Structures are given as C-alpha cells and as structure tokens.
N, C-alpha and C. Protein backbone atom coordinates (compact mmCIF):
# COMPACT_ATOMS: atom_id res chain seq x y z
N MET A 1 39.53 14.46 105.33
CA MET A 1 39.11 13.20 104.72
C MET A 1 40.06 12.11 105.18
N ALA A 2 39.52 10.98 105.61
CA ALA A 2 40.35 9.87 106.06
C ALA A 2 41.18 9.33 104.90
N LEU A 3 42.35 8.84 105.24
CA LEU A 3 43.24 8.33 104.19
C LEU A 3 42.60 7.20 103.40
N ALA A 4 41.81 6.34 104.06
CA ALA A 4 41.17 5.23 103.36
C ALA A 4 40.20 5.76 102.31
N GLN A 5 39.56 6.88 102.59
CA GLN A 5 38.63 7.46 101.64
C GLN A 5 39.35 8.05 100.45
N LYS A 6 40.63 8.32 100.55
CA LYS A 6 41.40 8.86 99.44
C LYS A 6 41.91 7.75 98.53
N GLY A 7 41.55 6.50 98.83
CA GLY A 7 41.93 5.39 97.97
C GLY A 7 43.33 4.87 98.22
N LEU A 8 43.92 5.17 99.36
CA LEU A 8 45.25 4.66 99.68
C LEU A 8 45.15 3.25 100.23
N SER A 9 46.13 2.44 99.90
CA SER A 9 46.16 1.08 100.45
C SER A 9 46.57 1.16 101.91
N TYR A 10 46.36 0.04 102.62
CA TYR A 10 46.76 0.00 104.02
C TYR A 10 48.26 0.22 104.15
N ALA A 11 49.06 -0.36 103.27
CA ALA A 11 50.52 -0.19 103.31
C ALA A 11 50.89 1.28 103.12
N GLU A 12 50.20 1.97 102.21
CA GLU A 12 50.47 3.39 102.00
C GLU A 12 50.09 4.21 103.24
N CYS A 13 49.00 3.83 103.89
CA CYS A 13 48.60 4.51 105.12
C CYS A 13 49.65 4.30 106.20
N GLU A 14 50.13 3.04 106.32
CA GLU A 14 51.16 2.73 107.31
C GLU A 14 52.42 3.56 107.05
N GLN A 15 52.82 3.68 105.79
CA GLN A 15 54.00 4.46 105.44
C GLN A 15 53.83 5.91 105.84
N ARG A 16 52.67 6.47 105.57
CA ARG A 16 52.41 7.86 105.96
C ARG A 16 52.38 8.01 107.48
N ALA A 17 51.86 7.01 108.16
CA ALA A 17 51.77 7.06 109.62
C ALA A 17 53.16 7.09 110.25
N LEU A 18 54.15 6.52 109.59
CA LEU A 18 55.51 6.52 110.13
C LEU A 18 56.07 7.93 110.26
N SER A 19 55.54 8.84 109.46
CA SER A 19 56.05 10.21 109.49
C SER A 19 55.24 11.11 110.43
N VAL A 20 54.26 10.54 111.12
CA VAL A 20 53.41 11.31 112.00
C VAL A 20 53.60 10.84 113.44
N THR A 21 53.75 11.79 114.33
CA THR A 21 53.81 11.47 115.75
C THR A 21 52.50 11.93 116.36
N GLY A 22 51.86 11.03 117.09
CA GLY A 22 50.59 11.41 117.69
C GLY A 22 50.03 10.30 118.53
N ALA A 23 48.83 10.47 118.96
CA ALA A 23 48.15 9.49 119.78
C ALA A 23 46.71 9.39 119.32
N ALA A 24 46.08 8.30 119.71
CA ALA A 24 44.68 8.10 119.34
C ALA A 24 43.94 7.53 120.53
N PHE A 25 42.66 7.73 120.54
CA PHE A 25 41.81 7.19 121.59
C PHE A 25 40.72 6.39 120.90
N PHE A 26 40.70 5.10 121.15
CA PHE A 26 39.69 4.23 120.57
C PHE A 26 38.74 3.84 121.70
N LEU A 27 37.55 4.40 121.68
CA LEU A 27 36.61 4.25 122.77
C LEU A 27 36.32 2.78 123.10
N ALA A 28 36.00 1.95 122.12
CA ALA A 28 35.67 0.55 122.40
C ALA A 28 36.85 -0.16 123.05
N ALA A 29 38.05 0.05 122.54
CA ALA A 29 39.23 -0.61 123.10
C ALA A 29 39.53 -0.13 124.51
N SER A 30 39.18 1.09 124.82
CA SER A 30 39.48 1.62 126.15
C SER A 30 38.70 0.91 127.25
N TYR A 31 37.63 0.22 126.89
CA TYR A 31 36.84 -0.52 127.88
C TYR A 31 37.34 -1.95 128.07
N MET A 32 38.29 -2.39 127.27
CA MET A 32 38.74 -3.78 127.33
C MET A 32 39.92 -3.94 128.28
N ASN A 33 39.84 -4.97 129.09
CA ASN A 33 40.94 -5.31 129.99
C ASN A 33 42.03 -6.04 129.23
N HIS A 34 43.20 -6.09 129.86
CA HIS A 34 44.34 -6.79 129.31
C HIS A 34 44.31 -8.27 129.66
N SER A 35 44.77 -9.09 128.75
CA SER A 35 45.09 -10.49 129.03
C SER A 35 46.22 -10.87 128.08
N CYS A 36 47.23 -11.57 128.62
CA CYS A 36 48.32 -12.04 127.76
C CYS A 36 47.81 -13.07 126.77
N ASP A 37 46.69 -13.72 127.10
CA ASP A 37 46.02 -14.67 126.21
C ASP A 37 44.66 -14.08 125.86
N SER A 38 44.68 -12.98 125.13
CA SER A 38 43.48 -12.19 124.87
C SER A 38 42.43 -12.98 124.08
N THR A 39 41.19 -12.51 124.18
CA THR A 39 40.11 -13.14 123.42
C THR A 39 39.94 -12.51 122.04
N VAL A 40 40.42 -11.28 121.87
CA VAL A 40 40.34 -10.62 120.57
C VAL A 40 41.67 -9.97 120.22
N THR A 41 41.90 -9.79 118.94
CA THR A 41 43.04 -9.01 118.47
C THR A 41 42.50 -7.73 117.86
N VAL A 42 43.34 -6.72 117.85
CA VAL A 42 42.94 -5.44 117.30
C VAL A 42 43.67 -5.26 115.97
N GLU A 43 42.92 -5.03 114.94
CA GLU A 43 43.50 -4.74 113.63
C GLU A 43 43.18 -3.29 113.32
N ARG A 44 44.21 -2.47 113.31
CA ARG A 44 43.98 -1.06 113.04
C ARG A 44 43.76 -0.86 111.54
N GLN A 45 42.71 -0.15 111.23
CA GLN A 45 42.35 0.13 109.85
C GLN A 45 42.93 1.48 109.47
N CYS A 46 43.10 1.69 108.21
CA CYS A 46 43.55 2.97 107.72
C CYS A 46 42.47 4.00 108.02
N GLY A 47 42.86 5.10 108.56
CA GLY A 47 41.88 6.11 108.94
C GLY A 47 41.69 6.11 110.43
N HIS A 48 40.44 6.13 110.87
CA HIS A 48 40.14 6.31 112.28
C HIS A 48 39.37 5.13 112.87
N THR A 49 39.57 3.95 112.38
CA THR A 49 38.81 2.81 112.88
C THR A 49 39.72 1.64 113.23
N SER A 50 39.20 0.76 114.05
CA SER A 50 39.87 -0.49 114.38
C SER A 50 38.86 -1.61 114.24
N LYS A 51 39.37 -2.80 113.93
CA LYS A 51 38.52 -3.98 113.83
C LYS A 51 38.97 -4.94 114.91
N PHE A 52 38.02 -5.52 115.64
CA PHE A 52 38.30 -6.49 116.68
C PHE A 52 37.94 -7.87 116.15
N ILE A 53 38.90 -8.79 116.20
CA ILE A 53 38.71 -10.12 115.64
C ILE A 53 38.86 -11.15 116.75
N ALA A 54 37.86 -12.02 116.91
CA ALA A 54 37.92 -13.05 117.95
C ALA A 54 39.06 -14.01 117.65
N ARG A 55 39.83 -14.34 118.68
CA ARG A 55 40.93 -15.29 118.56
C ARG A 55 40.48 -16.71 118.85
N LYS A 56 39.31 -16.84 119.45
CA LYS A 56 38.76 -18.15 119.83
C LYS A 56 37.25 -18.03 119.85
N ARG A 57 36.59 -19.16 119.92
CA ARG A 57 35.13 -19.14 119.97
C ARG A 57 34.70 -18.51 121.30
N LEU A 58 33.79 -17.55 121.19
CA LEU A 58 33.31 -16.84 122.37
C LEU A 58 31.83 -17.13 122.58
N ALA A 59 31.46 -17.27 123.83
CA ALA A 59 30.06 -17.47 124.19
C ALA A 59 29.47 -16.13 124.63
N PRO A 60 28.16 -15.99 124.54
CA PRO A 60 27.55 -14.74 125.04
C PRO A 60 27.96 -14.51 126.49
N GLY A 61 28.38 -13.29 126.76
CA GLY A 61 28.79 -12.93 128.12
C GLY A 61 30.28 -13.08 128.38
N ASP A 62 31.03 -13.73 127.47
CA ASP A 62 32.49 -13.83 127.64
C ASP A 62 33.11 -12.44 127.57
N GLU A 63 34.09 -12.22 128.42
CA GLU A 63 34.77 -10.93 128.42
C GLU A 63 35.64 -10.78 127.17
N LEU A 64 35.59 -9.62 126.56
CA LEU A 64 36.49 -9.29 125.46
C LEU A 64 37.73 -8.66 126.07
N THR A 65 38.89 -9.27 125.82
CA THR A 65 40.14 -8.75 126.34
C THR A 65 41.11 -8.55 125.19
N ILE A 66 42.01 -7.59 125.36
CA ILE A 66 43.06 -7.35 124.38
C ILE A 66 44.41 -7.48 125.07
N ASP A 67 45.41 -7.71 124.29
CA ASP A 67 46.78 -7.86 124.80
C ASP A 67 47.48 -6.51 124.66
N TYR A 68 47.65 -5.81 125.77
CA TYR A 68 48.22 -4.47 125.74
C TYR A 68 49.67 -4.46 125.24
N ILE A 69 50.40 -5.55 125.46
CA ILE A 69 51.84 -5.54 125.21
C ILE A 69 52.28 -6.40 124.03
N GLY A 70 51.36 -7.02 123.32
CA GLY A 70 51.74 -7.87 122.19
C GLY A 70 52.49 -9.11 122.65
N SER A 71 51.94 -9.81 123.64
CA SER A 71 52.62 -10.95 124.27
C SER A 71 53.08 -12.01 123.27
N ALA A 72 52.27 -12.24 122.24
CA ALA A 72 52.64 -13.28 121.28
C ALA A 72 53.95 -12.96 120.57
N ASN A 73 54.24 -11.68 120.43
CA ASN A 73 55.47 -11.26 119.75
C ASN A 73 56.56 -10.83 120.72
N LEU A 74 56.29 -10.97 122.00
CA LEU A 74 57.19 -10.46 123.02
C LEU A 74 57.92 -11.61 123.69
N LEU A 75 59.00 -12.03 123.12
CA LEU A 75 59.80 -13.11 123.70
C LEU A 75 61.15 -12.55 124.12
N PRO A 76 61.52 -12.78 125.37
CA PRO A 76 62.82 -12.26 125.81
C PRO A 76 63.94 -13.04 125.15
N PRO A 77 65.07 -12.41 124.94
CA PRO A 77 66.22 -13.14 124.42
C PRO A 77 66.62 -14.20 125.44
N SER A 78 66.84 -15.41 124.97
CA SER A 78 67.15 -16.50 125.90
C SER A 78 68.12 -17.47 125.28
N ASP A 79 69.05 -17.90 126.09
CA ASP A 79 70.00 -18.93 125.66
C ASP A 79 69.69 -20.27 126.29
N THR A 80 68.64 -20.32 127.10
CA THR A 80 68.35 -21.54 127.83
C THR A 80 67.69 -22.59 126.95
N THR A 81 68.01 -23.82 127.22
CA THR A 81 67.34 -24.94 126.56
C THR A 81 66.43 -25.66 127.55
N ASP A 82 66.44 -25.19 128.80
CA ASP A 82 65.60 -25.75 129.85
C ASP A 82 64.19 -25.18 129.71
N PRO A 83 63.18 -26.01 129.41
CA PRO A 83 61.82 -25.49 129.19
C PRO A 83 61.24 -24.80 130.42
N GLU A 84 61.58 -25.27 131.62
CA GLU A 84 61.07 -24.64 132.84
C GLU A 84 61.67 -23.25 133.02
N GLU A 85 62.94 -23.12 132.75
CA GLU A 85 63.60 -21.82 132.84
C GLU A 85 63.07 -20.86 131.78
N ALA A 86 62.83 -21.39 130.58
CA ALA A 86 62.28 -20.56 129.50
C ALA A 86 60.88 -20.06 129.86
N LEU A 87 60.07 -20.93 130.47
CA LEU A 87 58.73 -20.53 130.91
C LEU A 87 58.82 -19.39 131.91
N MET A 88 59.72 -19.52 132.87
CA MET A 88 59.88 -18.48 133.88
C MET A 88 60.35 -17.17 133.24
N GLU A 89 61.29 -17.24 132.30
CA GLU A 89 61.78 -16.03 131.63
C GLU A 89 60.66 -15.33 130.88
N ARG A 90 59.85 -16.09 130.13
CA ARG A 90 58.74 -15.49 129.37
C ARG A 90 57.73 -14.83 130.31
N LEU A 91 57.37 -15.52 131.38
CA LEU A 91 56.40 -14.99 132.33
C LEU A 91 56.92 -13.72 132.98
N LEU A 92 58.14 -13.76 133.47
CA LEU A 92 58.70 -12.58 134.14
C LEU A 92 58.88 -11.41 133.18
N HIS A 93 59.24 -11.70 131.94
CA HIS A 93 59.39 -10.64 130.94
C HIS A 93 58.05 -9.97 130.66
N ARG A 94 56.99 -10.77 130.49
CA ARG A 94 55.65 -10.19 130.27
C ARG A 94 55.22 -9.36 131.48
N GLN A 95 55.45 -9.91 132.68
CA GLN A 95 55.07 -9.19 133.89
C GLN A 95 55.78 -7.84 133.97
N GLN A 96 57.07 -7.84 133.66
CA GLN A 96 57.85 -6.61 133.71
C GLN A 96 57.33 -5.59 132.69
N GLN A 97 56.96 -6.04 131.50
CA GLN A 97 56.45 -5.14 130.47
C GLN A 97 55.13 -4.51 130.90
N VAL A 98 54.22 -5.32 131.44
CA VAL A 98 52.94 -4.78 131.89
C VAL A 98 53.15 -3.80 133.04
N LEU A 99 53.97 -4.19 133.99
CA LEU A 99 54.20 -3.34 135.15
C LEU A 99 54.86 -2.01 134.76
N SER A 100 55.88 -2.06 133.93
CA SER A 100 56.59 -0.83 133.59
C SER A 100 55.78 0.08 132.65
N ASN A 101 54.95 -0.50 131.80
CA ASN A 101 54.18 0.31 130.86
C ASN A 101 52.78 0.69 131.33
N TYR A 102 52.18 -0.16 132.20
CA TYR A 102 50.79 0.07 132.59
C TYR A 102 50.57 0.10 134.11
N GLN A 103 51.62 -0.08 134.88
CA GLN A 103 51.61 0.04 136.34
C GLN A 103 50.63 -0.91 137.04
N PHE A 104 50.54 -2.14 136.57
CA PHE A 104 49.80 -3.15 137.31
C PHE A 104 50.45 -4.51 137.09
N ARG A 105 50.18 -5.42 138.01
CA ARG A 105 50.66 -6.80 137.90
C ARG A 105 49.60 -7.59 137.15
N CYS A 106 50.00 -8.21 136.06
CA CYS A 106 49.05 -8.99 135.27
C CYS A 106 48.64 -10.23 136.06
N GLN A 107 47.34 -10.45 136.15
CA GLN A 107 46.79 -11.62 136.81
C GLN A 107 45.84 -12.36 135.87
N CYS A 108 46.16 -12.32 134.58
CA CYS A 108 45.31 -13.01 133.61
C CYS A 108 45.44 -14.52 133.81
N SER A 109 44.56 -15.26 133.16
CA SER A 109 44.55 -16.72 133.34
C SER A 109 45.87 -17.35 132.89
N LEU A 110 46.47 -16.83 131.83
CA LEU A 110 47.75 -17.39 131.37
C LEU A 110 48.85 -17.17 132.41
N CYS A 111 48.97 -15.94 132.92
CA CYS A 111 50.01 -15.66 133.91
C CYS A 111 49.78 -16.46 135.19
N GLU A 112 48.53 -16.52 135.64
CA GLU A 112 48.24 -17.25 136.87
C GLU A 112 48.52 -18.74 136.71
N SER A 113 48.21 -19.31 135.56
CA SER A 113 48.49 -20.74 135.36
C SER A 113 49.99 -20.99 135.26
N GLU A 114 50.72 -20.05 134.66
CA GLU A 114 52.18 -20.21 134.59
C GLU A 114 52.82 -20.03 135.97
N PHE A 115 52.32 -19.09 136.77
CA PHE A 115 52.81 -18.95 138.14
C PHE A 115 52.59 -20.25 138.91
N ALA A 116 51.40 -20.83 138.78
CA ALA A 116 51.07 -22.09 139.47
C ALA A 116 51.98 -23.23 139.00
N ALA A 117 52.26 -23.27 137.70
CA ALA A 117 53.14 -24.32 137.17
C ALA A 117 54.55 -24.17 137.72
N ILE A 118 55.03 -22.94 137.81
CA ILE A 118 56.38 -22.69 138.34
C ILE A 118 56.43 -23.05 139.82
N GLU A 119 55.40 -22.68 140.57
CA GLU A 119 55.37 -23.03 141.99
C GLU A 119 55.32 -24.53 142.19
N GLY A 120 54.67 -25.25 141.29
CA GLY A 120 54.58 -26.71 141.37
C GLY A 120 55.90 -27.40 141.05
N LEU A 121 56.84 -26.68 140.47
CA LEU A 121 58.14 -27.28 140.13
C LEU A 121 59.06 -27.37 141.33
N ASP A 122 58.78 -26.57 142.36
CA ASP A 122 59.65 -26.54 143.54
C ASP A 122 59.53 -27.80 144.36
C-alpha cells in the first residue's frame, strides 16, 4: 500500500524516504529533455506519482522540459561583484554539472543565450 494511502502527510513520507536507499523510474519524466530554463517543474508526490506543473504559459505543441540538475537552486560559490564574471561562473557551473552527471553539453536556450552574451563581451 502506498504511503499516501496510509494517511501519512507529505512531510512524514519525506522523513521515511530519508531512511530508504533506492531508485525510481517515472515513465512520463523519462521522455522529457533537459533545459536549465525548464517549462515544467516536477513535484514528487508521496507514494509512486509525480505532478508536473507548468512554469510558464505553454501553447499546444510546446516541448515539455525538466531541469535535471535543479539549476534554480544551483549557484556556485562566488566572491565576485562583477555581473559578467558571475554570469560566466553560473553558466560554467551548470555546464559542468550536466556534463559530469549526464554526459552531455547543455545547449538549452538559456545556456545558448548566455554563451552568446559572454562572446559579445569580448
């Protein structure tokens, strides 16, 4: 019986999950490509389900993408006050995370626009 069916709150499910080591396969999510500026977020539900929530208005035919690395929460430690240097650090840090964890170079619209902005600074 799924934990949600036992009447446990999401917090209680999360606490129990901390004591379990394992993996899961979510079929719908497995079809979604990565983007650092994803179109949907994944909210894991207690039990065996996930909910996908649009981050922006989507038109029919728009690609649903998820952020494999949690880019919004992934900021490298930085002491710089230079905005251009900070942009480069964030971009390179995201690129390194995707490459080391998923073995590809991210070419999402956010990364490509930041690469173009950095190249335009030269």
